C-alpha atoms as a PDB file:
ATOM      1  CA  MET A   1     -61.581  28.337 -32.861  1.00  0.00           C
ATOM      2  CA  LEU A   2     -60.092  27.690 -36.311  1.00  0.00           C
ATOM      3  CA  GLN A   3     -58.888  31.268 -36.412  1.00  0.00           C
ATOM      4  CA  LYS A   4     -56.982  30.838 -33.113  1.00  0.00           C
ATOM      5  CA  ILE A   5     -55.313  27.683 -34.421  1.00  0.00           C
ATOM      6  CA  THR A   6     -54.298  29.290 -37.726  1.00  0.00           C
ATOM      7  CA  HIS A   7     -53.049  32.369 -35.869  1.00  0.00           C
ATOM      8  CA  PHE A   8     -50.877  30.150 -33.625  1.00  0.00           C
ATOM      9  CA  ILE A   9     -49.524  28.289 -36.661  1.00  0.00           C
ATOM     10  CA  ASP A  10     -48.720  31.576 -38.401  1.00  0.00           C
ATOM     11  CA  ARG A  11     -46.849  32.762 -35.288  1.00  0.00           C
ATOM     12  CA  LEU A  12     -44.852  29.522 -35.312  1.00  0.00           C
ATOM     13  CA  SER A  13     -43.837  30.224 -38.906  1.00  0.00           C
ATOM     14  CA  ASP A  14     -42.906  33.777 -37.914  1.00  0.00           C
ATOM     15  CA  MET A  15     -40.632  32.362 -35.204  1.00  0.00           C
ATOM     16  CA  GLY A  16     -38.953  30.215 -37.861  1.00  0.00           C
ATOM     17  CA  ALA A  17     -38.389  33.345 -39.950  1.00  0.00           C
ATOM     18  CA  TYR A  18     -36.845  35.162 -36.978  1.00  0.00           C
ATOM     19  CA  LEU A  19     -34.551  32.218 -36.352  1.00  0.00           C
ATOM     20  CA  SER A  20     -33.583  32.217 -40.041  1.00  0.00           C
ATOM     21  CA  PHE A  21     -32.829  35.934 -39.840  1.00  0.00           C
ATOM     22  CA  PHE A  22     -30.628  35.343 -36.796  1.00  0.00           C
ATOM     23  CA  LEU A  23     -28.754  32.551 -38.588  1.00  0.00           C
ATOM     24  CA  LEU A  24     -28.172  34.789 -41.593  1.00  0.00           C
ATOM     25  CA  ILE A  25     -26.706  37.503 -39.352  1.00  0.00           C
ATOM     26  CA  VAL A  26     -24.418  34.936 -37.689  1.00  0.00           C
ATOM     27  CA  ILE A  27     -23.279  33.658 -41.105  1.00  0.00           C
ATOM     28  CA  ILE A  28     -22.468  37.189 -42.236  1.00  0.00           C
ATOM     29  CA  ALA A  29     -20.646  37.990 -38.992  1.00  0.00           C
ATOM     30  CA  LEU A  30     -18.643  34.772 -39.185  1.00  0.00           C
ATOM     31  CA  ILE A  31     -17.588  35.386 -42.791  1.00  0.00           C
ATOM     32  CA  VAL A  32     -16.746  39.063 -42.238  1.00  0.00           C
ATOM     33  CA  THR A  33     -14.740  38.200 -39.118  1.00  0.00           C
ATOM     34  CA  ASN A  34     -12.856  35.542 -41.045  1.00  0.00           C
ATOM     35  CA  ILE A  35     -12.094  37.992 -43.877  1.00  0.00           C
ATOM     36  CA  ILE A  36     -10.784  40.576 -41.405  1.00  0.00           C
ATOM     37  CA  LEU A  37      -8.645  37.980 -39.631  1.00  0.00           C
ATOM     38  CA  MET A  38      -7.204  36.741 -42.911  1.00  0.00           C
ATOM     39  CA  SER A  39      -6.560  40.250 -44.259  1.00  0.00           C
ATOM     40  CA  PHE A  40      -4.941  41.838 -41.231  1.00  0.00           C
ATOM     41  CA  PHE A  41      -3.648  39.017 -39.026  1.00  0.00           C
ATOM     42  CA  ASN A  42      -2.914  36.244 -41.542  1.00  0.00           C
ATOM     43  CA  SER A  43      -5.117  33.979 -39.436  1.00  0.00           C
ATOM     44  CA  SER A  44      -8.396  32.186 -40.017  1.00  0.00           C
ATOM     45  CA  ILE A  45     -11.410  30.766 -38.242  1.00  0.00           C
ATOM     46  CA  MET A  46     -11.048  27.189 -39.426  1.00  0.00           C
ATOM     47  CA  ILE A  47     -14.747  26.379 -39.075  1.00  0.00           C
ATOM     48  CA  THR A  48     -16.116  29.266 -41.151  1.00  0.00           C
ATOM     49  CA  ASP A  49     -16.946  27.293 -44.299  1.00  0.00           C
ATOM     50  CA  GLU A  50     -18.332  24.286 -42.451  1.00  0.00           C
ATOM     51  CA  TYR A  51     -20.510  26.157 -39.981  1.00  0.00           C
ATOM     52  CA  SER A  52     -21.702  28.686 -42.570  1.00  0.00           C
ATOM     53  CA  ALA A  53     -22.935  25.771 -44.687  1.00  0.00           C
ATOM     54  CA  TYR A  54     -24.711  24.191 -41.710  1.00  0.00           C
ATOM     55  CA  MET A  55     -26.350  27.489 -40.788  1.00  0.00           C
ATOM     56  CA  PHE A  56     -27.367  28.170 -44.383  1.00  0.00           C
ATOM     57  CA  ALA A  57     -29.091  24.781 -44.582  1.00  0.00           C
ATOM     58  CA  ALA A  58     -30.895  25.570 -41.307  1.00  0.00           C
ATOM     59  CA  PHE A  59     -31.744  29.046 -42.665  1.00  0.00           C
ATOM     60  CA  VAL A  60     -33.476  27.440 -45.653  1.00  0.00           C
ATOM     61  CA  MET A  61     -35.292  24.802 -43.598  1.00  0.00           C
ATOM     62  CA  PHE A  62     -36.610  27.283 -41.007  1.00  0.00           C
ATOM     63  CA  SER A  63     -37.764  29.650 -43.791  1.00  0.00           C
ATOM     64  CA  LEU A  64     -39.953  27.142 -45.656  1.00  0.00           C
ATOM     65  CA  SER A  65     -43.077  27.549 -43.533  1.00  0.00           C
ATOM     66  CA  PHE A  66     -42.818  31.346 -43.417  1.00  0.00           C
ATOM     67  CA  THR A  67     -42.418  31.486 -47.195  1.00  0.00           C
ATOM     68  CA  LEU A  68     -45.565  29.391 -47.558  1.00  0.00           C
ATOM     69  CA  LYS A  69     -47.437  31.614 -45.113  1.00  0.00           C
ATOM     70  CA  GLU A  70     -46.428  34.708 -47.100  1.00  0.00           C
ATOM     71  CA  ASN A  71     -47.424  33.021 -50.383  1.00  0.00           C
ATOM     72  CA  GLY A  72     -43.814  33.207 -51.560  1.00  0.00           C
ATOM     73  CA  HIS A  73     -43.354  29.781 -53.100  1.00  0.00           C
ATOM     74  CA  ILE A  74     -43.335  29.603 -56.885  1.00  0.00           C
ATOM     75  CA  LYS A  75     -46.710  28.669 -58.352  1.00  0.00           C
ATOM     76  CA  ILE A  76     -47.544  27.964 -61.974  1.00  0.00           C
ATOM     77  CA  THR A  77     -51.153  28.984 -62.520  1.00  0.00           C
ATOM     78  CA  VAL A  78     -51.378  29.070 -66.324  1.00  0.00           C
ATOM     79  CA  ILE A  79     -53.939  26.269 -66.447  1.00  0.00           C
ATOM     80  CA  SER A  80     -55.562  26.541 -63.017  1.00  0.00           C
ATOM     81  CA  SER A  81     -56.348  30.256 -63.432  1.00  0.00           C
ATOM     82  CA  LYS A  82     -58.575  29.375 -66.426  1.00  0.00           C
ATOM     83  CA  LEU A  83     -60.660  26.912 -64.398  1.00  0.00           C
ATOM     84  CA  PRO A  84     -63.936  27.805 -62.636  1.00  0.00           C
ATOM     85  CA  LYS A  85     -63.526  29.119 -59.076  1.00  0.00           C
ATOM     86  CA  LYS A  86     -65.043  26.029 -57.475  1.00  0.00           C
ATOM     87  CA  LEU A  87     -62.670  23.750 -59.355  1.00  0.00           C
ATOM     88  CA  GLN A  88     -59.746  26.027 -58.435  1.00  0.00           C
ATOM     89  CA  LYS A  89     -60.645  25.579 -54.770  1.00  0.00           C
ATOM     90  CA  TYR A  90     -60.701  21.775 -55.096  1.00  0.00           C
ATOM     91  CA  LEU A  91     -57.393  21.857 -56.937  1.00  0.00           C
ATOM     92  CA  ARG A  92     -55.876  24.027 -54.190  1.00  0.00           C
ATOM     93  CA  LEU A  93     -57.113  21.560 -51.547  1.00  0.00           C
ATOM     94  CA  LEU A  94     -55.621  18.683 -53.521  1.00  0.00           C
ATOM     95  CA  THR A  95     -52.246  20.407 -53.873  1.00  0.00           C
ATOM     96  CA  ILE A  96     -52.172  21.208 -50.155  1.00  0.00           C
ATOM     97  CA  LEU A  97     -52.924  17.565 -49.317  1.00  0.00           C
ATOM     98  CA  ILE A  98     -50.195  16.354 -51.706  1.00  0.00           C
ATOM     99  CA  ALA A  99     -47.726  18.839 -50.226  1.00  0.00           C
ATOM    100  CA  MET A 100     -48.660  17.672 -46.710  1.00  0.00           C
ATOM    101  CA  ALA A 101     -48.020  14.058 -47.719  1.00  0.00           C
ATOM    102  CA  MET A 102     -44.666  15.020 -49.236  1.00  0.00           C
ATOM    103  CA  SER A 103     -43.607  17.038 -46.188  1.00  0.00           C
ATOM    104  CA  LEU A 104     -44.523  14.108 -43.911  1.00  0.00           C
ATOM    105  CA  PHE A 105     -42.493  11.795 -46.152  1.00  0.00           C
ATOM    106  CA  PHE A 106     -39.482  14.136 -45.968  1.00  0.00           C
ATOM    107  CA  PHE A 107     -39.986  14.572 -42.225  1.00  0.00           C
ATOM    108  CA  TYR A 108     -39.994  10.817 -41.628  1.00  0.00           C
ATOM    109  CA  HIS A 109     -36.873  10.213 -43.689  1.00  0.00           C
ATOM    110  CA  SER A 110     -34.996  13.159 -42.216  1.00  0.00           C
ATOM    111  CA  VAL A 111     -35.791  11.901 -38.692  1.00  0.00           C
ATOM    112  CA  PHE A 112     -34.441   8.508 -39.734  1.00  0.00           C
ATOM    113  CA  MET A 113     -31.310  10.160 -41.162  1.00  0.00           C
ATOM    114  CA  VAL A 114     -30.711  12.142 -37.961  1.00  0.00           C
ATOM    115  CA  TYR A 115     -31.323   9.054 -35.848  1.00  0.00           C
ATOM    116  CA  GLN A 116     -28.759   7.048 -37.814  1.00  0.00           C
ATOM    117  CA  ALA A 117     -26.195   9.851 -37.567  1.00  0.00           C
ATOM    118  CA  TYR A 118     -26.818   9.967 -33.808  1.00  0.00           C
ATOM    119  CA  LEU A 119     -26.737   6.190 -33.389  1.00  0.00           C
ATOM    120  CA  TYR A 120     -23.421   5.822 -35.195  1.00  0.00           C
ATOM    121  CA  GLN A 121     -22.001   9.059 -33.760  1.00  0.00           C
ATOM    122  CA  MET A 122     -21.111  10.213 -37.272  1.00  0.00           C
ATOM    123  CA  ARG A 123     -18.726  13.146 -37.420  1.00  0.00           C
ATOM    124  CA  ALA A 124     -17.837  15.594 -40.145  1.00  0.00           C
ATOM    125  CA  ASP A 125     -14.541  14.929 -41.872  1.00  0.00           C
ATOM    126  CA  THR A 126     -13.281  18.404 -40.984  1.00  0.00           C
ATOM    127  CA  VAL A 127     -11.124  20.135 -38.399  1.00  0.00           C
ATOM    128  CA  ALA A 128     -14.076  20.623 -36.040  1.00  0.00           C
ATOM    129  CA  GLN A 129     -15.187  16.962 -36.169  1.00  0.00           C
ATOM    130  CA  THR A 130     -18.787  18.133 -35.704  1.00  0.00           C
ATOM    131  CA  LEU A 131     -21.339  15.503 -34.771  1.00  0.00           C
ATOM    132  CA  ILE A 132     -23.405  15.423 -37.959  1.00  0.00           C
ATOM    133  CA  TYR A 133     -26.773  14.880 -36.295  1.00  0.00           C
ATOM    134  CA  ILE A 134     -26.636  18.323 -34.662  1.00  0.00           C
ATOM    135  CA  PRO A 135     -26.790  20.385 -37.876  1.00  0.00           C
ATOM    136  CA  GLN A 136     -29.039  17.756 -39.453  1.00  0.00           C
ATOM    137  CA  LEU A 137     -31.695  18.422 -36.798  1.00  0.00           C
ATOM    138  CA  SER A 138     -32.800  21.491 -38.737  1.00  0.00           C
ATOM    139  CA  MET A 139     -34.198  19.258 -41.482  1.00  0.00           C
ATOM    140  CA  PRO A 140     -36.903  17.378 -39.538  1.00  0.00           C
ATOM    141  CA  ILE A 141     -37.746  20.560 -37.622  1.00  0.00           C
ATOM    142  CA  GLY A 142     -38.129  22.507 -40.878  1.00  0.00           C
ATOM    143  CA  PHE A 143     -40.196  19.804 -42.567  1.00  0.00           C
ATOM    144  CA  PHE A 144     -42.434  19.523 -39.508  1.00  0.00           C
ATOM    145  CA  MET A 145     -42.938  23.293 -39.442  1.00  0.00           C
ATOM    146  CA  LEU A 146     -43.796  23.166 -43.153  1.00  0.00           C
ATOM    147  CA  PHE A 147     -46.336  20.385 -42.502  1.00  0.00           C
ATOM    148  CA  VAL A 148     -47.934  22.400 -39.699  1.00  0.00           C
ATOM    149  CA  GLN A 149     -48.134  25.503 -41.914  1.00  0.00           C
ATOM    150  CA  LEU A 150     -49.681  23.428 -44.702  1.00  0.00           C
ATOM    151  CA  PHE A 151     -52.247  22.183 -42.175  1.00  0.00           C
ATOM    152  CA  GLY A 152     -52.912  25.827 -41.282  1.00  0.00           C
ATOM    153  CA  GLU A 153     -53.403  26.642 -44.966  1.00  0.00           C
ATOM    154  CA  LEU A 154     -55.850  23.759 -45.203  1.00  0.00           C
ATOM    155  CA  LEU A 155     -57.787  25.153 -42.220  1.00  0.00           C
ATOM    156  CA  LYS A 156     -57.815  28.620 -43.841  1.00  0.00           C
ATOM    157  CA  GLU A 157     -59.507  27.102 -46.887  1.00  0.00           C
ATOM    158  CA  PHE A 158     -62.415  26.042 -44.659  1.00  0.00           C
ATOM    159  CA  GLN A 159     -62.791  29.385 -42.858  1.00  0.00           C
END
């Protein structure tokens, strides 16, 4: 049962990675198209900088859980690697629990931020006048996915 849950959580993180990959391709296409338009037609896509920044932020947020799943986050193990195995396991559980608490904290505050941007219909001070809550949605989604992946890592410790 635990294995099915962790497998589902890992697939969710994989979907976040695929979405991040798609966003990266769109960013590249948008920038290359803008360069071609500027070089040959003396024209520009006015939203290139703004939307590339939004997509890059979403790229990072959707990649967090996949990076955790693939053990890609930076870890400093100078002290913990010298500890006995049993103590290392307890320390790993403690760090996962702390990271879960932090991701829930960030999730809560990012939801509040998005809600305020939606409530006040905040817009970007740019040509596109983008409703800010739309690109901000990637933050609570990313933090929630990170929390779920951390929960999956916690379950893996008990398998």
